Amino acid sequence: MNNNEIGTIYLEDLEIGLSRSITKVIDEHAIDLFAQVSEDRNPIHLDDAAGKASIFKTRIAHGMLSAGLFSALIGERLPGHGSIYMSQNLRFTAPVRIGETVTATVTVTDIIPAKRRVALECVARVGDTVVITGDALVLAPVRAKS
């Protein structure tokens, strides 16, 4: 399985240090859709005047829009299909501006086979700037026993 392949990496095949990434341009359309789905219509995300008046001097994307890329990685790539989110901790360290490209990466930091749990480091970047850090704990899929 390459870094972009969708599917499942079973608990039995996971290794400390294994990682997967996803990259997405956070454009106007994504922000509008996220506002509709999440019901978060904070003017800093949707109104140019509010953005200009903010500490960022421009509109910014919802933090959870970029953080949602971790969910995509966990559910689609590492561990992938069959994973169950148990917890997620996040720290937002810099804003994502409209039109910026975010690369999110999850990396296996611990495997607890008896409980089927996998700990993941979560980092999102815009270029060299870290915009989100955190960690997640997931229940990983296992191969069906015959």
N, C-alpha and C. Protein backbone atom coordinates (compact mmCIF):
# COMPACT_ATOMS: atom_id res chain seq x y z
N MET A 1 0.87 -1.19 0.00
CA MET A 1 0.00 0.00 0.00
C MET A 1 0.90 1.23 0.00
N ASN A 2 0.68 2.13 -0.95
CA ASN A 2 1.47 3.35 -0.97
C ASN A 2 0.81 4.41 -0.09
N ASN A 3 1.43 5.57 0.03
CA ASN A 3 0.98 6.61 0.95
C ASN A 3 -0.38 7.19 0.58
N ASN A 4 -0.83 7.02 -0.63
CA ASN A 4 -2.10 7.60 -1.05
C ASN A 4 -3.20 6.55 -1.25
N GLU A 5 -2.88 5.29 -1.07
CA GLU A 5 -3.85 4.24 -1.32
C GLU A 5 -4.92 4.20 -0.24
N ILE A 6 -6.16 4.04 -0.66
CA ILE A 6 -7.29 3.94 0.25
C ILE A 6 -7.52 2.47 0.55
N GLY A 7 -7.87 2.17 1.79
CA GLY A 7 -8.15 0.79 2.16
C GLY A 7 -7.90 0.56 3.63
N THR A 8 -7.35 -0.59 3.96
CA THR A 8 -7.15 -0.98 5.35
C THR A 8 -5.74 -1.50 5.58
N ILE A 9 -5.14 -1.05 6.66
CA ILE A 9 -3.91 -1.65 7.17
C ILE A 9 -4.31 -2.27 8.50
N TYR A 10 -4.33 -3.58 8.55
CA TYR A 10 -4.79 -4.28 9.75
C TYR A 10 -3.80 -4.10 10.90
N LEU A 11 -4.33 -4.23 12.10
CA LEU A 11 -3.53 -4.10 13.32
C LEU A 11 -2.26 -4.95 13.22
N GLU A 12 -2.41 -6.16 12.70
CA GLU A 12 -1.28 -7.08 12.61
C GLU A 12 -0.16 -6.57 11.71
N ASP A 13 -0.47 -5.64 10.81
CA ASP A 13 0.51 -5.13 9.85
C ASP A 13 1.05 -3.75 10.21
N LEU A 14 0.53 -3.14 11.26
CA LEU A 14 0.98 -1.80 11.66
C LEU A 14 2.35 -1.86 12.31
N GLU A 15 3.10 -0.78 12.15
CA GLU A 15 4.42 -0.65 12.76
C GLU A 15 4.58 0.77 13.29
N ILE A 16 5.31 0.91 14.39
CA ILE A 16 5.64 2.24 14.91
C ILE A 16 6.37 3.00 13.81
N GLY A 17 5.99 4.25 13.59
CA GLY A 17 6.62 5.08 12.58
C GLY A 17 5.92 5.08 11.23
N LEU A 18 5.01 4.14 11.00
CA LEU A 18 4.25 4.11 9.75
C LEU A 18 3.40 5.37 9.67
N SER A 19 3.37 6.01 8.52
CA SER A 19 2.59 7.24 8.39
C SER A 19 1.90 7.31 7.04
N ARG A 20 0.86 8.13 6.99
CA ARG A 20 0.13 8.42 5.77
C ARG A 20 -0.21 9.91 5.78
N SER A 21 -0.30 10.49 4.59
CA SER A 21 -0.60 11.92 4.46
C SER A 21 -1.69 12.15 3.42
N ILE A 22 -2.32 13.29 3.54
CA ILE A 22 -3.30 13.74 2.56
C ILE A 22 -3.13 15.25 2.40
N THR A 23 -3.31 15.75 1.19
CA THR A 23 -3.14 17.17 0.90
C THR A 23 -4.42 17.70 0.27
N LYS A 24 -4.82 18.89 0.73
CA LYS A 24 -6.04 19.50 0.21
C LYS A 24 -5.90 21.01 0.17
N VAL A 25 -6.37 21.61 -0.91
CA VAL A 25 -6.47 23.07 -0.98
C VAL A 25 -7.74 23.47 -0.25
N ILE A 26 -7.60 24.37 0.70
CA ILE A 26 -8.74 24.85 1.47
C ILE A 26 -9.26 26.11 0.76
N ASP A 27 -10.18 25.89 -0.15
CA ASP A 27 -10.68 26.99 -0.98
C ASP A 27 -12.03 27.51 -0.47
N GLU A 28 -12.50 28.53 -1.14
CA GLU A 28 -13.77 29.18 -0.79
C GLU A 28 -14.92 28.18 -0.74
N HIS A 29 -14.97 27.30 -1.72
CA HIS A 29 -16.05 26.32 -1.80
C HIS A 29 -16.05 25.40 -0.58
N ALA A 30 -14.86 24.90 -0.20
CA ALA A 30 -14.76 24.02 0.98
C ALA A 30 -15.22 24.75 2.25
N ILE A 31 -14.84 26.01 2.38
CA ILE A 31 -15.23 26.79 3.56
C ILE A 31 -16.74 26.98 3.59
N ASP A 32 -17.33 27.30 2.46
CA ASP A 32 -18.79 27.47 2.40
C ASP A 32 -19.51 26.17 2.73
N LEU A 33 -19.06 25.07 2.17
CA LEU A 33 -19.68 23.78 2.46
C LEU A 33 -19.53 23.41 3.93
N PHE A 34 -18.35 23.64 4.49
CA PHE A 34 -18.13 23.31 5.90
C PHE A 34 -19.03 24.16 6.79
N ALA A 35 -19.20 25.43 6.46
CA ALA A 35 -20.09 26.30 7.24
C ALA A 35 -21.52 25.75 7.22
N GLN A 36 -21.95 25.28 6.06
CA GLN A 36 -23.31 24.72 5.96
C GLN A 36 -23.45 23.44 6.77
N VAL A 37 -22.51 22.54 6.62
CA VAL A 37 -22.60 21.25 7.29
C VAL A 37 -22.43 21.38 8.80
N SER A 38 -21.48 22.19 9.23
CA SER A 38 -21.16 22.31 10.66
C SER A 38 -22.06 23.29 11.41
N GLU A 39 -22.75 24.15 10.67
CA GLU A 39 -23.54 25.24 11.25
C GLU A 39 -22.66 26.33 11.88
N ASP A 40 -21.36 26.30 11.61
CA ASP A 40 -20.43 27.31 12.12
C ASP A 40 -20.31 28.41 11.08
N ARG A 41 -21.02 29.49 11.34
CA ARG A 41 -21.00 30.63 10.41
C ARG A 41 -20.32 31.84 11.04
N ASN A 42 -19.30 31.58 11.84
CA ASN A 42 -18.52 32.65 12.44
C ASN A 42 -18.05 33.59 11.33
N PRO A 43 -18.32 34.89 11.46
CA PRO A 43 -17.97 35.83 10.39
C PRO A 43 -16.49 35.84 10.01
N ILE A 44 -15.60 35.45 10.90
CA ILE A 44 -14.18 35.44 10.56
C ILE A 44 -13.89 34.48 9.40
N HIS A 45 -14.80 33.52 9.20
CA HIS A 45 -14.63 32.55 8.11
C HIS A 45 -15.35 32.99 6.83
N LEU A 46 -16.38 33.81 6.96
CA LEU A 46 -17.28 34.07 5.83
C LEU A 46 -17.39 35.53 5.39
N ASP A 47 -16.96 36.46 6.22
CA ASP A 47 -17.16 37.87 5.95
C ASP A 47 -15.81 38.60 5.84
N ASP A 48 -15.55 39.21 4.69
CA ASP A 48 -14.28 39.88 4.47
C ASP A 48 -14.01 40.97 5.51
N ALA A 49 -15.01 41.76 5.85
CA ALA A 49 -14.81 42.84 6.82
C ALA A 49 -14.45 42.28 8.20
N ALA A 50 -15.11 41.21 8.60
CA ALA A 50 -14.80 40.59 9.90
C ALA A 50 -13.38 40.03 9.89
N GLY A 51 -13.00 39.42 8.79
CA GLY A 51 -11.64 38.90 8.68
C GLY A 51 -10.61 40.00 8.75
N LYS A 52 -10.88 41.08 8.04
CA LYS A 52 -9.95 42.21 8.03
C LYS A 52 -9.80 42.83 9.41
N ALA A 53 -10.87 42.83 10.20
CA ALA A 53 -10.86 43.40 11.55
C ALA A 53 -10.23 42.47 12.58
N SER A 54 -9.98 41.21 12.21
CA SER A 54 -9.44 40.22 13.15
C SER A 54 -7.92 40.37 13.31
N ILE A 55 -7.37 39.61 14.25
CA ILE A 55 -5.92 39.63 14.45
C ILE A 55 -5.17 39.09 13.24
N PHE A 56 -5.87 38.35 12.37
CA PHE A 56 -5.24 37.75 11.20
C PHE A 56 -5.28 38.67 9.97
N LYS A 57 -6.09 39.73 10.05
CA LYS A 57 -6.22 40.73 8.97
C LYS A 57 -6.81 40.18 7.69
N THR A 58 -7.39 39.00 7.76
CA THR A 58 -8.05 38.38 6.61
C THR A 58 -8.94 37.26 7.12
N ARG A 59 -9.84 36.81 6.27
CA ARG A 59 -10.65 35.63 6.62
C ARG A 59 -9.75 34.42 6.74
N ILE A 60 -10.14 33.51 7.61
CA ILE A 60 -9.41 32.26 7.77
C ILE A 60 -10.40 31.10 7.69
N ALA A 61 -9.87 29.94 7.41
CA ALA A 61 -10.69 28.73 7.34
C ALA A 61 -11.01 28.25 8.75
N HIS A 62 -12.10 27.53 8.87
CA HIS A 62 -12.44 26.86 10.12
C HIS A 62 -11.29 25.91 10.48
N GLY A 63 -10.87 25.95 11.73
CA GLY A 63 -9.82 25.03 12.16
C GLY A 63 -10.22 23.58 11.99
N MET A 64 -11.49 23.29 12.27
CA MET A 64 -11.94 21.90 12.18
C MET A 64 -12.05 21.40 10.74
N LEU A 65 -12.09 22.31 9.78
CA LEU A 65 -12.07 21.90 8.37
C LEU A 65 -10.73 21.22 8.07
N SER A 66 -9.64 21.85 8.45
CA SER A 66 -8.33 21.23 8.25
C SER A 66 -8.16 20.01 9.14
N ALA A 67 -8.65 20.07 10.38
CA ALA A 67 -8.54 18.94 11.30
C ALA A 67 -9.31 17.73 10.78
N GLY A 68 -10.34 17.97 9.99
CA GLY A 68 -11.11 16.88 9.41
C GLY A 68 -10.27 15.98 8.51
N LEU A 69 -9.14 16.49 8.04
CA LEU A 69 -8.26 15.66 7.22
C LEU A 69 -7.70 14.49 8.03
N PHE A 70 -7.53 14.67 9.35
CA PHE A 70 -7.08 13.54 10.19
C PHE A 70 -8.13 12.43 10.17
N SER A 71 -9.40 12.81 10.24
CA SER A 71 -10.47 11.82 10.18
C SER A 71 -10.44 11.07 8.85
N ALA A 72 -10.20 11.80 7.77
CA ALA A 72 -10.11 11.16 6.45
C ALA A 72 -8.96 10.16 6.42
N LEU A 73 -7.83 10.54 6.97
CA LEU A 73 -6.68 9.64 6.99
C LEU A 73 -6.96 8.39 7.81
N ILE A 74 -7.52 8.58 8.99
CA ILE A 74 -7.78 7.44 9.88
C ILE A 74 -8.83 6.51 9.27
N GLY A 75 -9.86 7.06 8.70
CA GLY A 75 -10.94 6.24 8.15
C GLY A 75 -10.65 5.63 6.79
N GLU A 76 -9.69 6.22 6.06
CA GLU A 76 -9.45 5.77 4.69
C GLU A 76 -8.06 5.19 4.45
N ARG A 77 -7.06 5.56 5.29
CA ARG A 77 -5.68 5.19 4.94
C ARG A 77 -4.86 4.59 6.08
N LEU A 78 -5.06 5.01 7.32
CA LEU A 78 -4.24 4.51 8.43
C LEU A 78 -4.97 4.64 9.74
N PRO A 79 -5.48 3.58 10.29
CA PRO A 79 -5.49 2.22 9.78
C PRO A 79 -6.42 2.01 8.59
N GLY A 80 -7.44 2.85 8.42
CA GLY A 80 -8.29 2.73 7.25
C GLY A 80 -9.66 2.18 7.57
N HIS A 81 -10.27 1.57 6.57
CA HIS A 81 -11.64 1.08 6.67
C HIS A 81 -11.79 0.15 7.87
N GLY A 82 -12.82 0.40 8.68
CA GLY A 82 -13.07 -0.40 9.87
C GLY A 82 -12.51 0.22 11.14
N SER A 83 -11.75 1.32 11.01
CA SER A 83 -11.22 2.00 12.20
C SER A 83 -12.33 2.70 12.95
N ILE A 84 -12.18 2.77 14.27
CA ILE A 84 -13.13 3.49 15.12
C ILE A 84 -12.34 4.52 15.92
N TYR A 85 -12.72 5.79 15.77
CA TYR A 85 -12.12 6.88 16.54
C TYR A 85 -12.47 6.71 18.01
N MET A 86 -11.51 6.81 18.89
CA MET A 86 -11.76 6.76 20.32
C MET A 86 -11.52 8.13 20.97
N SER A 87 -10.47 8.82 20.53
CA SER A 87 -10.21 10.17 21.07
C SER A 87 -9.33 10.94 20.11
N GLN A 88 -9.38 12.26 20.25
CA GLN A 88 -8.56 13.16 19.43
C GLN A 88 -8.24 14.39 20.25
N ASN A 89 -6.98 14.75 20.32
CA ASN A 89 -6.54 16.00 20.94
C ASN A 89 -5.93 16.85 19.85
N LEU A 90 -6.25 18.14 19.86
CA LEU A 90 -5.76 19.05 18.83
C LEU A 90 -5.27 20.34 19.45
N ARG A 91 -4.24 20.92 18.84
CA ARG A 91 -3.77 22.25 19.18
C ARG A 91 -3.59 23.01 17.88
N PHE A 92 -4.31 24.12 17.76
CA PHE A 92 -4.24 24.94 16.55
C PHE A 92 -3.14 25.98 16.74
N THR A 93 -2.11 25.91 15.91
CA THR A 93 -0.92 26.73 16.12
C THR A 93 -0.76 27.89 15.13
N ALA A 94 -1.50 27.85 14.04
CA ALA A 94 -1.46 28.93 13.05
C ALA A 94 -2.72 28.83 12.20
N PRO A 95 -3.16 29.97 11.66
CA PRO A 95 -4.38 29.94 10.84
C PRO A 95 -4.11 29.38 9.44
N VAL A 96 -5.18 28.88 8.82
CA VAL A 96 -5.15 28.49 7.42
C VAL A 96 -5.97 29.52 6.66
N ARG A 97 -5.32 30.15 5.72
CA ARG A 97 -5.99 31.19 4.93
C ARG A 97 -6.63 30.56 3.68
N ILE A 98 -7.60 31.24 3.16
CA ILE A 98 -8.32 30.76 1.98
C ILE A 98 -7.34 30.58 0.82
N GLY A 99 -7.41 29.41 0.20
CA GLY A 99 -6.55 29.10 -0.93
C GLY A 99 -5.26 28.40 -0.57
N GLU A 100 -4.98 28.25 0.74
CA GLU A 100 -3.76 27.57 1.13
C GLU A 100 -3.92 26.05 1.03
N THR A 101 -2.80 25.38 0.84
CA THR A 101 -2.77 23.93 0.74
C THR A 101 -2.31 23.35 2.06
N VAL A 102 -3.14 22.48 2.63
CA VAL A 102 -2.84 21.84 3.91
C VAL A 102 -2.44 20.39 3.64
N THR A 103 -1.35 19.97 4.26
CA THR A 103 -0.96 18.57 4.24
C THR A 103 -1.06 18.04 5.66
N ALA A 104 -1.92 17.06 5.85
CA ALA A 104 -2.11 16.43 7.15
C ALA A 104 -1.43 15.07 7.13
N THR A 105 -0.79 14.72 8.25
CA THR A 105 -0.08 13.45 8.37
C THR A 105 -0.41 12.80 9.70
N VAL A 106 -0.68 11.51 9.67
CA VAL A 106 -0.81 10.73 10.90
C VAL A 106 0.32 9.69 10.91
N THR A 107 0.90 9.49 12.11
CA THR A 107 2.02 8.58 12.27
C THR A 107 1.77 7.69 13.48
N VAL A 108 1.96 6.40 13.31
CA VAL A 108 1.77 5.46 14.42
C VAL A 108 2.86 5.68 15.47
N THR A 109 2.43 5.93 16.73
CA THR A 109 3.37 6.13 17.82
C THR A 109 3.31 5.00 18.86
N ASP A 110 2.22 4.25 18.88
CA ASP A 110 2.10 3.15 19.83
C ASP A 110 1.04 2.17 19.32
N ILE A 111 1.26 0.90 19.60
CA ILE A 111 0.32 -0.15 19.23
C ILE A 111 0.06 -0.98 20.49
N ILE A 112 -1.22 -1.15 20.82
CA ILE A 112 -1.62 -1.92 22.00
C ILE A 112 -2.46 -3.10 21.49
N PRO A 113 -1.79 -4.19 21.09
CA PRO A 113 -2.48 -5.30 20.44
C PRO A 113 -3.62 -5.90 21.25
N ALA A 114 -3.45 -6.06 22.55
CA ALA A 114 -4.47 -6.71 23.38
C ALA A 114 -5.79 -5.94 23.36
N LYS A 115 -5.70 -4.64 23.15
CA LYS A 115 -6.92 -3.81 23.14
C LYS A 115 -7.27 -3.33 21.73
N ARG A 116 -6.49 -3.75 20.73
CA ARG A 116 -6.68 -3.35 19.32
C ARG A 116 -6.53 -1.85 19.13
N ARG A 117 -5.80 -1.18 20.00
CA ARG A 117 -5.69 0.28 19.94
C ARG A 117 -4.38 0.70 19.29
N VAL A 118 -4.48 1.84 18.59
CA VAL A 118 -3.32 2.42 17.93
C VAL A 118 -3.31 3.91 18.27
N ALA A 119 -2.15 4.38 18.75
CA ALA A 119 -1.98 5.82 19.01
C ALA A 119 -1.30 6.44 17.80
N LEU A 120 -1.78 7.62 17.44
CA LEU A 120 -1.27 8.31 16.25
C LEU A 120 -0.89 9.74 16.60
N GLU A 121 0.24 10.18 16.09
CA GLU A 121 0.59 11.59 16.12
C GLU A 121 -0.08 12.23 14.91
N CYS A 122 -0.64 13.43 15.09
CA CYS A 122 -1.34 14.13 14.02
C CYS A 122 -0.70 15.50 13.83
N VAL A 123 -0.26 15.79 12.61
CA VAL A 123 0.36 17.09 12.31
C VAL A 123 -0.18 17.57 10.97
N ALA A 124 -0.59 18.84 10.93
CA ALA A 124 -1.00 19.46 9.66
C ALA A 124 -0.10 20.66 9.40
N ARG A 125 0.28 20.81 8.14
CA ARG A 125 1.18 21.90 7.76
C ARG A 125 0.65 22.64 6.53
N VAL A 126 0.98 23.91 6.48
CA VAL A 126 0.87 24.71 5.25
C VAL A 126 2.30 25.07 4.92
N GLY A 127 2.84 24.45 3.89
CA GLY A 127 4.27 24.61 3.60
C GLY A 127 5.07 24.08 4.78
N ASP A 128 5.97 24.91 5.31
CA ASP A 128 6.78 24.52 6.47
C ASP A 128 6.14 24.91 7.79
N THR A 129 5.01 25.58 7.74
CA THR A 129 4.35 26.06 8.96
C THR A 129 3.40 25.00 9.51
N VAL A 130 3.62 24.61 10.76
CA VAL A 130 2.71 23.68 11.43
C VAL A 130 1.47 24.47 11.83
N VAL A 131 0.29 24.00 11.39
CA VAL A 131 -0.96 24.69 11.71
C VAL A 131 -1.79 23.95 12.76
N ILE A 132 -1.59 22.63 12.87
CA ILE A 132 -2.28 21.82 13.87
C ILE A 132 -1.33 20.72 14.33
N THR A 133 -1.32 20.47 15.64
CA THR A 133 -0.65 19.29 16.18
C THR A 133 -1.65 18.58 17.08
N GLY A 134 -1.40 17.31 17.30
CA GLY A 134 -2.27 16.58 18.19
C GLY A 134 -1.98 15.10 18.17
N ASP A 135 -2.90 14.36 18.75
CA ASP A 135 -2.78 12.91 18.77
C ASP A 135 -4.18 12.31 18.75
N ALA A 136 -4.25 11.07 18.32
CA ALA A 136 -5.51 10.35 18.25
C ALA A 136 -5.31 8.93 18.76
N LEU A 137 -6.38 8.36 19.26
CA LEU A 137 -6.40 6.96 19.66
C LEU A 137 -7.54 6.30 18.89
N VAL A 138 -7.22 5.21 18.20
CA VAL A 138 -8.23 4.54 17.39
C VAL A 138 -8.23 3.04 17.68
N LEU A 139 -9.39 2.46 17.48
CA LEU A 139 -9.55 1.02 17.50
C LEU A 139 -9.30 0.55 16.08
N ALA A 140 -8.30 -0.31 15.92
CA ALA A 140 -7.89 -0.71 14.57
C ALA A 140 -8.58 -2.01 14.14
N PRO A 141 -8.84 -2.14 12.87
CA PRO A 141 -9.42 -3.40 12.36
C PRO A 141 -8.39 -4.52 12.45
N VAL A 142 -8.89 -5.73 12.66
CA VAL A 142 -8.04 -6.92 12.66
C VAL A 142 -8.55 -7.87 11.59
N ARG A 143 -7.69 -8.77 11.18
CA ARG A 143 -8.12 -9.76 10.19
C ARG A 143 -9.14 -10.68 10.84
N ALA A 144 -10.11 -11.09 10.07
CA ALA A 144 -11.12 -12.03 10.57
C ALA A 144 -10.44 -13.35 10.87
N LYS A 145 -10.77 -13.92 12.01
CA LYS A 145 -10.19 -15.21 12.39
C LYS A 145 -10.98 -16.31 11.70
N SER A 146 -10.25 -17.31 11.19
CA SER A 146 -10.94 -18.38 10.49
C SER A 146 -11.34 -19.50 11.42
